[in-house]
Amino acid sequence: MKISNPVLTGFYADPSMIRVGDTYYIANSTFEWFPGVQLHESKDMVHWNPLPAALNTTELLDMRGNSASGGIWAPDLSYADGKFWLIYTDVKVVNGAFKDCTNYLATTEDIHGPWSGPIRVNGVGFDASLFHDDDGRKYLVQQTWDHREYKHAFHGITLTEFDVETMQLKPETARTIWMGDDVKLVEGPHLYKINGWYYLFAAEGGTVWTHQEVVARSRTLDELSFEASPTNPFITNFDTPRSYLQKQGHGALVDTPSGEWYYASLCGRPWHHETESFTDPRGWCTLGRETAIQKVEWDEDGWPYIVGGHGGERYVEAPKDAIETVAPETRDQHDEFESDTLDPRWNTLRVPFDEKMGSVGGGSLRLIGQGSLCNLFDLSLVARRWQAFDFDAETCVEFDPKTYQAMAGLTNYYNDQHWSWAFVTYDEDCKCRVIEVAQNDRNNYTSFLRENAVVVPEGVERVWLRAKVRTQWYTYEYSFDGQTWTELPVKLDAKILSDDYVNQTYGGFFTGAFVGLAAVDYSGYGEVATFDHFDYREIPGMED
């Protein structure tokens, strides 16, 4: 049995993997998307089943107003004392000298929840993890942020003892245990005790093409006592530009019941336009940062290394003691909105789906128009991850606006500055409903059809909309009967919905492309759009 990488496709970054008994768990970053901290489980590392997200209430997570790519950065999942421990960070400031963030702790005896808390821990830096030492003591290990412009912002890895009686840190115990090496940007620390050594795994180089994971170790937890592995980097694709997987680095180490070792890391899969160099730009990762798993072995000096070389492998031998898991055969989704709760694959931005956004059930999703797709506070949008480079997504909407300020339709969305959609709106010149296609590219808004917008015939109640994504490009189609489709004359470059494109001009670039349904009415009158289904169908493409 083989692990086929990535094991979690689409936006599943910063994996924290652990084992409890014969079951493996992964927690992933979710940034501004709600609910927070996606969880999966497996018994073979090959097939992964989704679990309920951990942070599903505003008591645990309220991101209203958070900037794009703020919110949940690099959660840490651990297990000790008969319960799961979750450290998570809510980042409020993404760009500039400051990274205002708060680290929280929640616990549960059942991975399905509910989770207790939250307990506020500190705000020293992001990417915090909890280390449970074999003497019963616990420590918070974290990246440390320095806002001072004359210092490097990534100020080493700080260790602080955690008091289980008060469930608070002991600030007086804080010390820097490692400053990283000359690659800089040291973050994402995880600490392990193996054969009498404390091993520190940390990411460096930024979560781009230069990304890497490095290892250091020490016999103690004393200040600046850790020494780097002579074979660093542990994993990277900086020098393997033609590898199927790129950007590997930030992640977590896990052992199997029989004593094998594996490492879960984020990764990216770039594609290129035919006119582009294969190495510069290295490509566009529209599926965001995904999760891969590599096999680990140890050399005679006690240092870990990736089997097959530090560039990793697409196909990896599964654990010998793996218990084969039955997992969903497809990532396709068909939703007729019969349930009065949203399918777990749906996400909203910053806050949960509620009566202010609309309602669901009885065969329809009703979205109440709020702010534009640029809005960080009041937005009626439900969306799911792109999980393949090639797919069709379809919906049908009933919408009768009386102003061009009201719009509803199908969107492909990266963040508030980068998105597109096909939508129904009102044209005051022709005094009728029309179908338009628009794009926000680096916050520059373009209406493509304008006076050639498609007129919705009088008497037509419902409009079908479809997105056809084909790796490099995507288009929209419409239908008035669900049978006969017409392509709208707009061909959009998918790279605009990638981390790599956003990173060229903007500091928040950590998520991935989503497809979903939205209603806007910035006139403030709350025009309602009714969607009767959503269909997402993947098409075999470059990843197969």
Protein backbone atom coordinates (compact mmCIF):
# COMPACT_ATOMS: atom_id res chain seq x y z
CA MET A 1 0.00 0.00 0.00
CA LYS A 2 1.31 3.43 -0.98
CA ILE A 3 0.74 6.92 0.32
CA SER A 4 -0.06 9.14 -2.67
CA ASN A 5 0.94 12.73 -2.04
CA PRO A 6 -0.62 15.05 -1.29
CA VAL A 7 -2.82 13.09 1.11
CA LEU A 8 -5.06 16.13 1.72
CA THR A 9 -5.66 18.02 -1.52
CA GLY A 10 -6.58 21.67 -1.63
CA PHE A 11 -6.04 24.24 1.09
CA TYR A 12 -4.82 22.10 4.03
CA ALA A 13 -1.67 23.85 5.26
CA ASP A 14 0.61 23.55 8.29
CA PRO A 15 -0.29 19.97 9.31
CA SER A 16 0.05 18.95 12.95
CA MET A 17 -0.01 15.13 12.92
CA ILE A 18 -0.18 12.87 15.98
CA ARG A 19 -0.97 9.24 16.76
CA VAL A 20 -3.25 8.00 19.53
CA GLY A 21 -3.22 4.21 19.72
CA ASP A 22 -3.64 2.96 16.15
CA THR A 23 -5.23 6.17 14.83
CA TYR A 24 -3.50 9.15 13.25
CA TYR A 25 -4.91 12.67 13.38
CA ILE A 26 -4.06 15.81 11.41
CA ALA A 27 -5.03 19.39 12.30
CA ASN A 28 -4.65 22.10 9.63
CA SER A 29 -4.62 25.88 9.50
CA THR A 30 -7.81 27.58 8.33
CA PHE A 31 -6.85 31.29 8.51
CA GLU A 32 -9.93 33.54 8.00
CA TRP A 33 -12.24 30.66 7.01
CA PHE A 34 -14.83 29.36 9.47
CA PRO A 35 -15.08 26.89 11.19
CA GLY A 36 -11.52 26.93 12.44
CA VAL A 37 -8.97 24.08 12.50
CA GLN A 38 -9.89 21.29 10.10
CA LEU A 39 -9.35 17.78 11.48
CA HIS A 40 -8.87 14.41 9.73
CA GLU A 41 -8.24 10.88 10.96
CA SER A 42 -6.71 7.74 9.44
CA LYS A 43 -5.47 4.31 10.44
CA ASP A 44 -3.16 3.86 7.44
CA MET A 45 -1.92 7.39 6.49
CA VAL A 46 -3.30 6.70 3.01
CA HIS A 47 -7.02 7.31 3.40
CA TRP A 48 -8.10 10.27 5.51
CA ASN A 49 -11.61 10.92 6.78
CA PRO A 50 -12.78 14.40 7.79
CA LEU A 51 -13.81 15.05 11.38
CA PRO A 52 -15.86 17.96 12.71
CA ALA A 53 -13.78 21.13 12.78
CA ALA A 54 -12.59 22.02 16.26
CA LEU A 55 -13.52 25.70 16.47
CA ASN A 56 -17.17 25.92 15.51
CA THR A 57 -18.50 28.62 17.84
CA THR A 58 -17.76 32.31 18.22
CA GLU A 59 -16.85 31.61 21.84
CA LEU A 60 -13.89 29.60 20.58
CA LEU A 61 -13.18 31.79 17.56
CA ASP A 62 -14.50 35.20 16.49
CA MET A 63 -12.67 36.60 13.47
CA ARG A 64 -15.12 39.31 12.45
CA GLY A 65 -13.05 42.03 10.76
CA ASN A 66 -9.87 39.92 10.52
CA SER A 67 -7.77 40.72 7.48
CA ALA A 68 -7.33 38.12 4.76
CA SER A 69 -4.90 35.37 5.81
CA GLY A 70 -5.28 36.41 9.43
CA GLY A 71 -7.12 34.16 11.85
CA ILE A 72 -5.97 30.60 12.53
CA TRP A 73 -2.26 30.10 11.91
CA ALA A 74 -0.60 26.69 12.42
CA PRO A 75 -2.68 24.98 15.14
CA ASP A 76 -0.94 22.34 17.27
CA LEU A 77 -2.71 19.12 18.20
CA SER A 78 -1.32 16.88 20.95
CA TYR A 79 -2.54 14.11 23.24
CA ALA A 80 -1.65 13.62 26.91
CA ASP A 81 -3.32 12.84 30.24
CA GLY A 82 -6.27 11.18 28.50
CA LYS A 83 -7.28 14.16 26.39
CA PHE A 84 -6.51 16.11 23.25
CA TRP A 85 -4.86 19.51 23.62
CA LEU A 86 -5.24 22.15 20.91
CA ILE A 87 -3.10 25.28 20.79
CA TYR A 88 -4.28 27.77 18.19
CA THR A 89 -3.45 31.32 17.20
CA ASP A 90 -5.83 34.07 16.07
CA VAL A 91 -3.77 36.61 14.13
CA LYS A 92 -5.37 40.07 13.95
CA VAL A 93 -2.62 41.97 12.10
CA VAL A 94 -0.99 40.36 9.05
CA ASN A 95 1.01 43.09 7.31
CA GLY A 96 3.47 45.62 8.63
CA ALA A 97 5.79 45.74 11.63
CA PHE A 98 3.37 44.05 14.02
CA LYS A 99 1.75 40.60 14.17
CA ASP A 100 -0.88 41.14 16.83
CA CYS A 101 -1.99 37.65 17.80
CA THR A 102 -3.43 35.70 20.69
CA ASN A 103 -2.62 32.06 21.43
CA TYR A 104 -5.40 29.99 22.96
CA LEU A 105 -5.74 26.52 24.45
CA ALA A 106 -8.75 24.22 24.18
CA THR A 107 -9.06 20.58 25.29
CA THR A 108 -11.41 17.64 24.82
CA GLU A 109 -11.56 13.94 25.68
CA ASP A 110 -13.36 13.25 22.39
CA ILE A 111 -11.77 14.41 19.13
CA HIS A 112 -15.30 14.97 17.78
CA GLY A 113 -15.79 17.67 20.42
CA PRO A 114 -17.08 19.69 22.04
CA TRP A 115 -13.87 21.53 22.90
CA SER A 116 -13.47 23.37 26.20
CA GLY A 117 -12.10 26.83 26.59
CA PRO A 118 -10.79 28.95 25.22
CA ILE A 119 -7.97 29.69 27.64
CA ARG A 120 -5.89 32.69 26.65
CA VAL A 121 -2.22 31.70 26.75
CA ASN A 122 -0.10 34.59 25.43
CA GLY A 123 0.72 36.72 22.38
CA VAL A 124 4.51 36.40 22.21
CA GLY A 125 4.43 34.93 18.71
CA PHE A 126 2.52 32.63 16.40
CA ASP A 127 2.94 28.92 15.50
CA ALA A 128 2.81 27.86 19.14
CA SER A 129 2.89 24.17 20.12
CA LEU A 130 2.57 22.33 23.42
CA PHE A 131 5.32 19.88 24.45
CA HIS A 132 4.50 17.24 27.07
CA ASP A 133 7.78 16.11 28.66
CA ASP A 134 8.19 12.63 30.09
CA ASP A 135 8.57 14.05 33.63
CA GLY A 136 5.03 15.45 33.51
CA ARG A 137 6.00 19.05 32.83
CA LYS A 138 4.59 20.94 29.86
CA TYR A 139 6.05 23.74 27.76
CA LEU A 140 4.80 26.15 25.13
CA VAL A 141 7.20 26.33 22.18
CA GLN A 142 6.70 29.22 19.78
CA GLN A 143 8.01 31.50 17.11
CA THR A 144 8.81 34.87 18.67
CA TRP A 145 7.85 38.10 16.94
CA ASP A 146 10.00 41.27 17.11
CA HIS A 147 8.42 44.44 15.70
CA ARG A 148 11.60 46.53 15.93
CA GLU A 149 12.75 47.55 12.45
CA TYR A 150 16.44 47.25 13.38
CA LYS A 151 16.02 43.58 14.41
CA HIS A 152 14.98 40.53 12.43
CA ALA A 153 11.25 40.03 12.96
CA PHE A 154 11.62 36.27 13.56
CA HIS A 155 13.41 36.37 16.92
CA GLY A 156 14.12 32.70 17.56
CA ILE A 157 12.18 29.94 19.28
CA THR A 158 10.96 30.62 22.81
CA LEU A 159 10.20 27.93 25.41
CA THR A 160 7.94 28.72 28.39
CA GLU A 161 6.80 26.32 31.09
CA PHE A 162 3.04 25.73 31.34
CA ASP A 163 1.46 25.22 34.78
CA VAL A 164 -1.22 22.51 34.61
CA GLU A 165 -2.63 23.57 37.98
CA THR A 166 -3.43 27.14 36.93
CA MET A 167 -3.61 26.32 33.19
CA GLN A 168 -1.41 29.32 32.56
CA LEU A 169 2.17 29.94 31.49
CA LYS A 170 4.99 30.85 33.86
CA PRO A 171 6.42 33.92 32.05
CA GLU A 172 9.49 33.99 34.28
CA THR A 173 10.61 30.65 32.77
CA ALA A 174 10.66 31.91 29.18
CA ARG A 175 13.95 31.49 27.31
CA THR A 176 15.17 31.33 23.74
CA ILE A 177 16.31 27.79 22.99
CA TRP A 178 17.36 28.28 19.35
CA MET A 179 17.81 31.21 16.99
CA GLY A 180 17.66 29.20 13.77
CA ASP A 181 20.31 29.38 11.07
CA ASP A 182 21.21 31.90 8.37
CA VAL A 183 18.16 31.04 6.24
CA LYS A 184 16.15 33.02 8.84
CA LEU A 185 12.35 33.16 9.22
CA VAL A 186 12.45 30.38 11.82
CA GLU A 187 8.89 29.36 12.79
CA GLY A 188 6.54 26.39 13.18
CA PRO A 189 8.43 24.69 16.06
CA HIS A 190 7.60 21.22 17.35
CA LEU A 191 9.57 19.57 20.14
CA TYR A 192 10.01 15.81 20.66
CA LYS A 193 11.98 13.72 23.16
CA ILE A 194 13.52 10.64 21.54
CA ASN A 195 16.23 8.40 23.03
CA GLY A 196 17.27 10.99 25.61
CA TRP A 197 17.51 13.85 23.08
CA TYR A 198 15.20 16.82 22.70
CA TYR A 199 14.64 17.27 18.96
CA LEU A 200 13.38 20.60 17.69
CA PHE A 201 11.79 20.62 14.25
CA ALA A 202 11.25 24.10 12.79
CA ALA A 203 10.41 25.70 9.45
CA GLU A 204 12.57 28.34 7.80
CA GLY A 205 12.79 30.34 4.61
CA GLY A 206 9.17 31.51 4.47
CA THR A 207 6.29 29.45 3.13
CA VAL A 208 7.28 29.95 -0.52
CA TRP A 209 9.72 28.25 -2.93
CA THR A 210 12.57 28.70 -0.41
CA HIS A 211 10.61 26.94 2.32
CA GLN A 212 12.35 24.22 4.32
CA GLU A 213 12.25 22.27 7.57
CA VAL A 214 15.35 21.99 9.77
CA VAL A 215 16.20 19.97 12.87
CA ALA A 216 18.20 20.84 15.98
CA ARG A 217 18.72 18.90 19.20
CA SER A 218 19.87 19.20 22.79
CA ARG A 219 20.23 17.05 25.90
CA THR A 220 18.52 19.80 27.90
CA LEU A 221 15.95 22.56 27.52
CA ASP A 222 18.40 25.23 28.59
CA GLU A 223 18.71 28.59 26.87
CA LEU A 224 20.41 28.42 23.44
CA SER A 225 21.38 24.80 24.06
CA PHE A 226 20.17 23.41 20.72
CA GLU A 227 22.57 22.57 17.89
CA ALA A 228 21.57 22.19 14.26
CA SER A 229 21.77 18.94 12.33
CA PRO A 230 24.84 18.81 10.05
CA THR A 231 22.60 17.42 7.29
CA ASN A 232 20.04 20.27 7.30
CA PRO A 233 17.76 20.97 5.57
CA PHE A 234 15.63 18.05 6.67
CA ILE A 235 13.16 18.65 3.85
CA THR A 236 12.98 21.28 1.10
CA ASN A 237 12.27 21.70 -2.60
CA PHE A 238 14.28 24.87 -3.07
CA ASP A 239 16.89 22.90 -5.02
CA THR A 240 14.42 20.46 -6.66
CA PRO A 241 12.40 22.78 -8.93
CA ARG A 242 11.18 19.94 -11.16
CA SER A 243 9.75 17.82 -8.36
CA TYR A 244 6.00 17.18 -8.42
CA LEU A 245 5.79 18.50 -4.85
CA GLN A 246 7.12 21.95 -3.96
CA LYS A 247 7.34 24.17 -0.86
CA GLN A 248 7.64 21.23 1.58
CA GLY A 249 8.61 22.24 5.08
CA HIS A 250 6.43 23.18 8.06
CA GLY A 251 4.95 20.05 9.65
CA ALA A 252 5.15 17.41 12.35
CA LEU A 253 6.84 14.08 13.14
CA VAL A 254 4.99 10.92 14.17
CA ASP A 255 5.89 7.31 14.94
CA THR A 256 3.89 4.16 14.23
CA PRO A 257 3.04 1.43 16.75
CA SER A 258 5.79 -0.76 15.27
CA GLY A 259 8.43 1.99 15.44
CA GLU A 260 8.47 3.46 11.93
CA TRP A 261 8.64 7.24 11.51
CA TYR A 262 6.81 9.64 9.19
CA TYR A 263 6.67 13.38 8.68
CA ALA A 264 3.63 15.38 7.54
CA SER A 265 4.38 18.70 5.88
CA LEU A 266 2.70 21.35 3.82
CA CYS A 267 3.40 21.29 0.09
CA GLY A 268 2.36 23.01 -3.13
CA ARG A 269 1.79 21.74 -6.67
CA PRO A 270 2.55 24.44 -9.23
CA TRP A 271 1.40 24.54 -12.83
CA HIS A 272 2.68 26.80 -15.61
CA HIS A 273 1.30 28.56 -18.64
CA GLU A 274 2.72 27.24 -21.88
CA THR A 275 4.50 30.54 -22.47
CA GLU A 276 6.26 30.54 -19.09
CA SER A 277 9.60 29.22 -17.93
CA PHE A 278 9.35 26.11 -15.80
CA THR A 279 11.58 27.59 -13.11
CA ASP A 280 11.00 31.37 -13.16
CA PRO A 281 8.28 31.86 -12.16
CA ARG A 282 8.26 28.41 -10.61
CA GLY A 283 4.52 28.26 -11.09
CA TRP A 284 1.09 28.88 -9.63
CA CYS A 285 -0.38 26.76 -6.81
CA THR A 286 -4.11 27.42 -7.18
CA LEU A 287 -4.98 24.62 -4.75
CA GLY A 288 -3.02 26.41 -2.05
CA ARG A 289 -0.72 24.68 0.40
CA GLU A 290 -1.68 21.03 0.78
CA THR A 291 -0.58 18.20 3.10
CA ALA A 292 2.00 15.53 2.15
CA ILE A 293 3.54 12.70 4.19
CA GLN A 294 7.12 11.41 3.85
CA LYS A 295 8.91 8.40 5.33
CA VAL A 296 11.65 9.18 7.90
CA GLU A 297 14.65 7.12 9.01
CA TRP A 298 17.54 7.87 11.39
CA ASP A 299 21.28 7.86 10.68
CA GLU A 300 23.95 6.31 12.91
CA ASP A 301 24.47 9.64 14.70
CA GLY A 302 20.80 9.89 15.64
CA TRP A 303 19.71 12.48 13.08
CA PRO A 304 16.47 12.04 11.09
CA TYR A 305 16.37 12.15 7.30
CA ILE A 306 13.73 11.89 4.57
CA VAL A 307 13.75 8.59 2.67
CA GLY A 308 14.49 9.29 -0.98
CA GLY A 309 16.25 12.58 -0.28
CA HIS A 310 15.24 15.94 1.16
CA GLY A 311 13.03 16.69 -1.85
CA GLY A 312 10.59 14.00 -0.79
CA GLU A 313 8.62 11.59 -2.95
CA ARG A 314 5.19 11.60 -4.55
CA TYR A 315 4.54 7.95 -3.61
CA VAL A 316 5.65 6.68 -0.19
CA GLU A 317 5.48 3.25 1.43
CA ALA A 318 2.63 3.16 3.95
CA PRO A 319 3.29 1.92 7.49
CA LYS A 320 3.81 -1.84 7.71
CA ASP A 321 1.28 -2.08 10.53
CA ALA A 322 -1.32 0.10 8.78
CA ILE A 323 -4.98 -0.83 9.20
CA GLU A 324 -6.55 0.00 5.85
CA THR A 325 -9.18 2.70 6.23
CA VAL A 326 -12.39 3.05 4.27
CA ALA A 327 -12.49 6.63 3.05
CA PRO A 328 -14.75 8.55 0.65
CA GLU A 329 -14.14 7.47 -2.94
CA THR A 330 -14.71 10.93 -4.30
CA ARG A 331 -14.35 14.58 -3.34
CA ASP A 332 -17.34 15.48 -5.51
CA GLN A 333 -20.24 17.23 -3.80
CA HIS A 334 -23.92 17.44 -4.65
CA ASP A 335 -26.04 19.48 -2.27
CA GLU A 336 -29.78 20.05 -2.60
CA PHE A 337 -29.91 21.84 0.77
CA GLU A 338 -32.44 19.51 2.38
CA SER A 339 -30.78 19.69 5.82
CA ASP A 340 -31.30 22.68 8.10
CA THR A 341 -27.52 22.80 8.68
CA LEU A 342 -24.81 23.33 6.10
CA ASP A 343 -22.82 20.36 4.80
CA PRO A 344 -19.46 20.26 6.66
CA ARG A 345 -17.63 20.92 3.39
CA TRP A 346 -19.05 24.43 3.29
CA ASN A 347 -17.12 27.30 4.85
CA THR A 348 -17.93 30.91 5.62
CA LEU A 349 -15.61 33.83 6.16
CA ARG A 350 -14.63 34.86 9.71
CA VAL A 351 -17.94 34.03 11.42
CA PRO A 352 -20.37 31.09 11.29
CA PHE A 353 -23.37 30.88 9.01
CA ASP A 354 -26.30 32.48 10.83
CA GLU A 355 -29.69 34.12 10.31
CA LYS A 356 -27.98 37.37 9.28
CA MET A 357 -26.48 35.58 6.26
CA GLY A 358 -29.60 33.54 5.53
CA SER A 359 -31.04 30.09 6.10
CA VAL A 360 -30.82 26.57 4.71
CA GLY A 361 -33.16 23.60 4.50
CA GLY A 362 -36.22 22.32 2.72
CA GLY A 363 -34.44 22.20 -0.61
CA SER A 364 -32.88 25.64 -0.79
CA LEU A 365 -30.13 27.90 0.48
CA ARG A 366 -31.39 31.43 0.99
CA LEU A 367 -28.71 34.10 1.16
CA ILE A 368 -29.56 37.61 2.31
CA GLY A 369 -27.55 40.20 0.40
CA GLN A 370 -25.04 42.04 2.59
CA GLY A 371 -21.69 43.66 1.82
CA SER A 372 -19.57 43.18 -1.27
CA LEU A 373 -17.11 40.34 -1.70
CA CYS A 374 -14.49 42.82 -0.42
CA ASN A 375 -16.23 43.11 2.95
CA LEU A 376 -14.41 41.92 6.08
CA PHE A 377 -17.43 42.21 8.39
CA ASP A 378 -20.80 41.48 6.77
CA LEU A 379 -20.72 39.01 3.90
CA SER A 380 -23.17 36.35 2.69
CA LEU A 381 -20.92 33.76 1.09
CA VAL A 382 -20.64 29.99 1.50
CA ALA A 383 -17.79 28.26 -0.30
CA ARG A 384 -15.79 25.03 -0.52
CA ARG A 385 -12.15 24.38 -1.37
CA TRP A 386 -10.88 23.75 -4.87
CA GLN A 387 -9.50 20.21 -4.45
CA ALA A 388 -8.60 19.47 -8.06
CA PHE A 389 -7.10 21.48 -10.90
CA ASP A 390 -10.00 20.58 -13.20
CA PHE A 391 -13.65 20.61 -12.15
CA ASP A 392 -17.13 21.92 -12.94
CA ALA A 393 -19.24 23.71 -10.34
CA GLU A 394 -22.91 24.44 -10.95
CA THR A 395 -25.83 26.11 -9.20
CA CYS A 396 -29.28 27.52 -9.89
CA VAL A 397 -30.42 30.82 -8.40
CA GLU A 398 -33.72 32.61 -8.12
CA PHE A 399 -33.10 36.32 -7.68
CA ASP A 400 -35.17 39.38 -8.58
CA PRO A 401 -33.14 42.52 -7.77
CA LYS A 402 -34.34 46.06 -8.47
CA THR A 403 -30.94 47.76 -8.28
CA TYR A 404 -27.46 47.19 -9.69
CA GLN A 405 -26.27 47.29 -6.06
CA ALA A 406 -27.84 43.86 -5.55
CA MET A 407 -26.07 40.81 -7.04
CA ALA A 408 -26.13 37.03 -6.54
CA GLY A 409 -24.33 34.15 -8.18
CA LEU A 410 -21.40 31.75 -8.38
CA THR A 411 -17.93 32.85 -7.28
CA ASN A 412 -14.35 31.62 -7.43
CA TYR A 413 -12.65 33.31 -4.52
CA TYR A 414 -9.18 33.62 -3.01
CA ASN A 415 -9.51 36.64 -0.71
CA ASP A 416 -11.22 40.02 -0.59
CA GLN A 417 -8.81 41.44 -3.17
CA HIS A 418 -8.74 38.46 -5.58
CA TRP A 419 -11.94 36.85 -6.85
CA SER A 420 -14.37 36.61 -9.74
CA TRP A 421 -17.99 35.69 -10.22
CA ALA A 422 -20.87 35.26 -12.64
CA PHE A 423 -23.99 36.82 -11.18
CA VAL A 424 -27.51 38.09 -11.72
CA THR A 425 -28.10 41.79 -11.16
CA TYR A 426 -30.31 44.65 -12.41
CA ASP A 427 -29.53 47.04 -15.27
CA GLU A 428 -31.33 50.36 -14.91
CA ASP A 429 -30.78 51.27 -18.58
CA CYS A 430 -32.59 48.25 -20.00
CA LYS A 431 -34.78 48.01 -16.88
CA CYS A 432 -34.29 44.29 -16.58
CA ARG A 433 -32.23 41.59 -14.93
CA VAL A 434 -28.91 40.71 -16.55
CA ILE A 435 -26.06 38.26 -16.14
CA GLU A 436 -22.60 39.82 -15.69
CA VAL A 437 -19.08 38.48 -15.11
CA ALA A 438 -16.69 40.51 -12.96
CA GLN A 439 -13.26 40.09 -11.43
CA ASN A 440 -11.37 41.73 -8.58
CA ASP A 441 -7.64 41.51 -9.38
CA ARG A 442 -5.35 43.10 -6.78
CA ASN A 443 -8.44 45.06 -5.77
CA ASN A 444 -8.94 46.43 -9.28
CA TYR A 445 -12.55 45.65 -10.21
CA THR A 446 -13.56 44.92 -13.81
CA SER A 447 -17.04 44.30 -15.26
CA PHE A 448 -16.43 42.33 -18.45
CA LEU A 449 -19.81 42.33 -20.24
CA ARG A 450 -21.12 45.84 -19.47
CA GLU A 451 -23.59 46.83 -22.22
CA ASN A 452 -23.34 43.27 -23.56
CA ALA A 453 -24.54 41.72 -20.33
CA VAL A 454 -26.91 38.81 -20.98
CA VAL A 455 -30.56 39.82 -20.58
CA VAL A 456 -32.64 37.49 -18.43
CA PRO A 457 -35.94 37.07 -20.31
CA GLU A 458 -39.12 38.27 -18.68
CA GLY A 459 -40.84 35.37 -16.98
CA VAL A 460 -37.65 33.40 -16.34
CA GLU A 461 -37.57 32.77 -12.62
CA ARG A 462 -34.35 30.79 -12.26
CA VAL A 463 -30.89 31.15 -13.76
CA TRP A 464 -28.38 28.29 -13.89
CA LEU A 465 -24.70 29.20 -13.58
CA ARG A 466 -21.65 26.98 -14.08
CA ALA A 467 -17.90 27.45 -13.63
CA LYS A 468 -15.55 25.32 -15.73
CA VAL A 469 -12.05 25.30 -14.21
CA ARG A 470 -9.30 23.80 -16.39
CA THR A 471 -6.01 24.25 -14.50
CA GLN A 472 -4.65 27.42 -16.16
CA TRP A 473 -7.95 29.03 -17.19
CA TYR A 474 -11.59 29.03 -16.23
CA THR A 475 -14.85 30.24 -17.73
CA TYR A 476 -18.49 30.70 -16.72
CA GLU A 477 -21.65 29.46 -18.46
CA TYR A 478 -25.36 30.17 -18.03
CA SER A 479 -28.63 28.43 -18.81
CA PHE A 480 -32.30 29.32 -18.50
CA ASP A 481 -33.52 25.72 -18.39
CA GLY A 482 -30.64 23.69 -16.92
CA GLN A 483 -30.23 21.83 -20.22
CA THR A 484 -28.91 24.24 -22.85
CA TRP A 485 -25.75 26.03 -21.76
CA THR A 486 -24.06 29.10 -23.25
CA GLU A 487 -20.50 30.08 -22.44
CA LEU A 488 -19.99 33.65 -21.33
CA PRO A 489 -17.25 35.28 -23.47
CA VAL A 490 -14.71 35.75 -20.65
CA LYS A 491 -11.61 33.60 -20.15
CA LEU A 492 -10.04 34.12 -16.73
CA ASP A 493 -6.48 33.34 -15.63
CA ALA A 494 -6.59 30.94 -12.69
CA LYS A 495 -3.20 32.10 -11.39
CA ILE A 496 -4.91 35.17 -9.91
CA LEU A 497 -6.40 32.81 -7.30
CA SER A 498 -3.01 31.46 -6.17
CA ASP A 499 -0.73 32.21 -3.21
CA ASP A 500 2.09 32.84 -5.64
CA TYR A 501 0.28 35.59 -7.54
CA VAL A 502 -1.07 37.27 -4.40
CA ASN A 503 2.40 37.18 -2.83
CA GLN A 504 3.74 39.45 -5.58
CA THR A 505 1.89 42.45 -4.15
CA TYR A 506 0.30 41.52 -0.84
CA GLY A 507 1.47 39.97 2.43
CA GLY A 508 -1.54 37.75 3.10
CA PHE A 509 -1.11 34.74 0.82
CA PHE A 510 -1.63 31.59 2.87
CA THR A 511 -4.94 30.03 1.82
CA GLY A 512 -6.17 28.68 -1.54
CA ALA A 513 -8.95 28.97 -4.08
CA PHE A 514 -12.59 28.34 -3.13
CA VAL A 515 -15.77 28.05 -5.20
CA GLY A 516 -19.10 29.04 -3.75
CA LEU A 517 -22.36 30.94 -3.64
CA ALA A 518 -22.81 34.58 -2.70
CA ALA A 519 -25.39 37.32 -2.41
CA VAL A 520 -24.58 41.03 -2.23
CA ASP A 521 -26.90 43.97 -1.59
CA TYR A 522 -24.87 46.92 -0.44
CA SER A 523 -27.92 49.15 -0.84
CA GLY A 524 -28.81 47.80 2.59
CA TYR A 525 -32.25 46.43 1.71
CA GLY A 526 -31.27 42.78 2.07
CA GLU A 527 -32.46 41.34 -1.23
CA VAL A 528 -32.69 37.54 -0.91
CA ALA A 529 -31.22 35.03 -3.38
CA THR A 530 -32.48 31.44 -3.34
CA PHE A 531 -30.18 28.64 -4.53
CA ASP A 532 -31.78 25.22 -5.07
CA HIS A 533 -28.64 23.14 -5.52
CA PHE A 534 -24.86 23.11 -5.83
CA ASP A 535 -22.81 20.56 -7.74
CA TYR A 536 -19.01 20.14 -7.72
CA ARG A 537 -17.58 17.51 -10.08
CA GLU A 538 -13.88 16.85 -10.51
CA ILE A 539 -12.47 15.96 -13.92
CA PRO A 540 -9.35 13.81 -14.34
CA GLY A 541 -6.49 16.18 -15.10
CA MET A 542 -2.87 16.98 -14.39
CA GLU A 543 -2.81 15.39 -10.93
CA ASP A 544 -3.96 11.94 -12.13
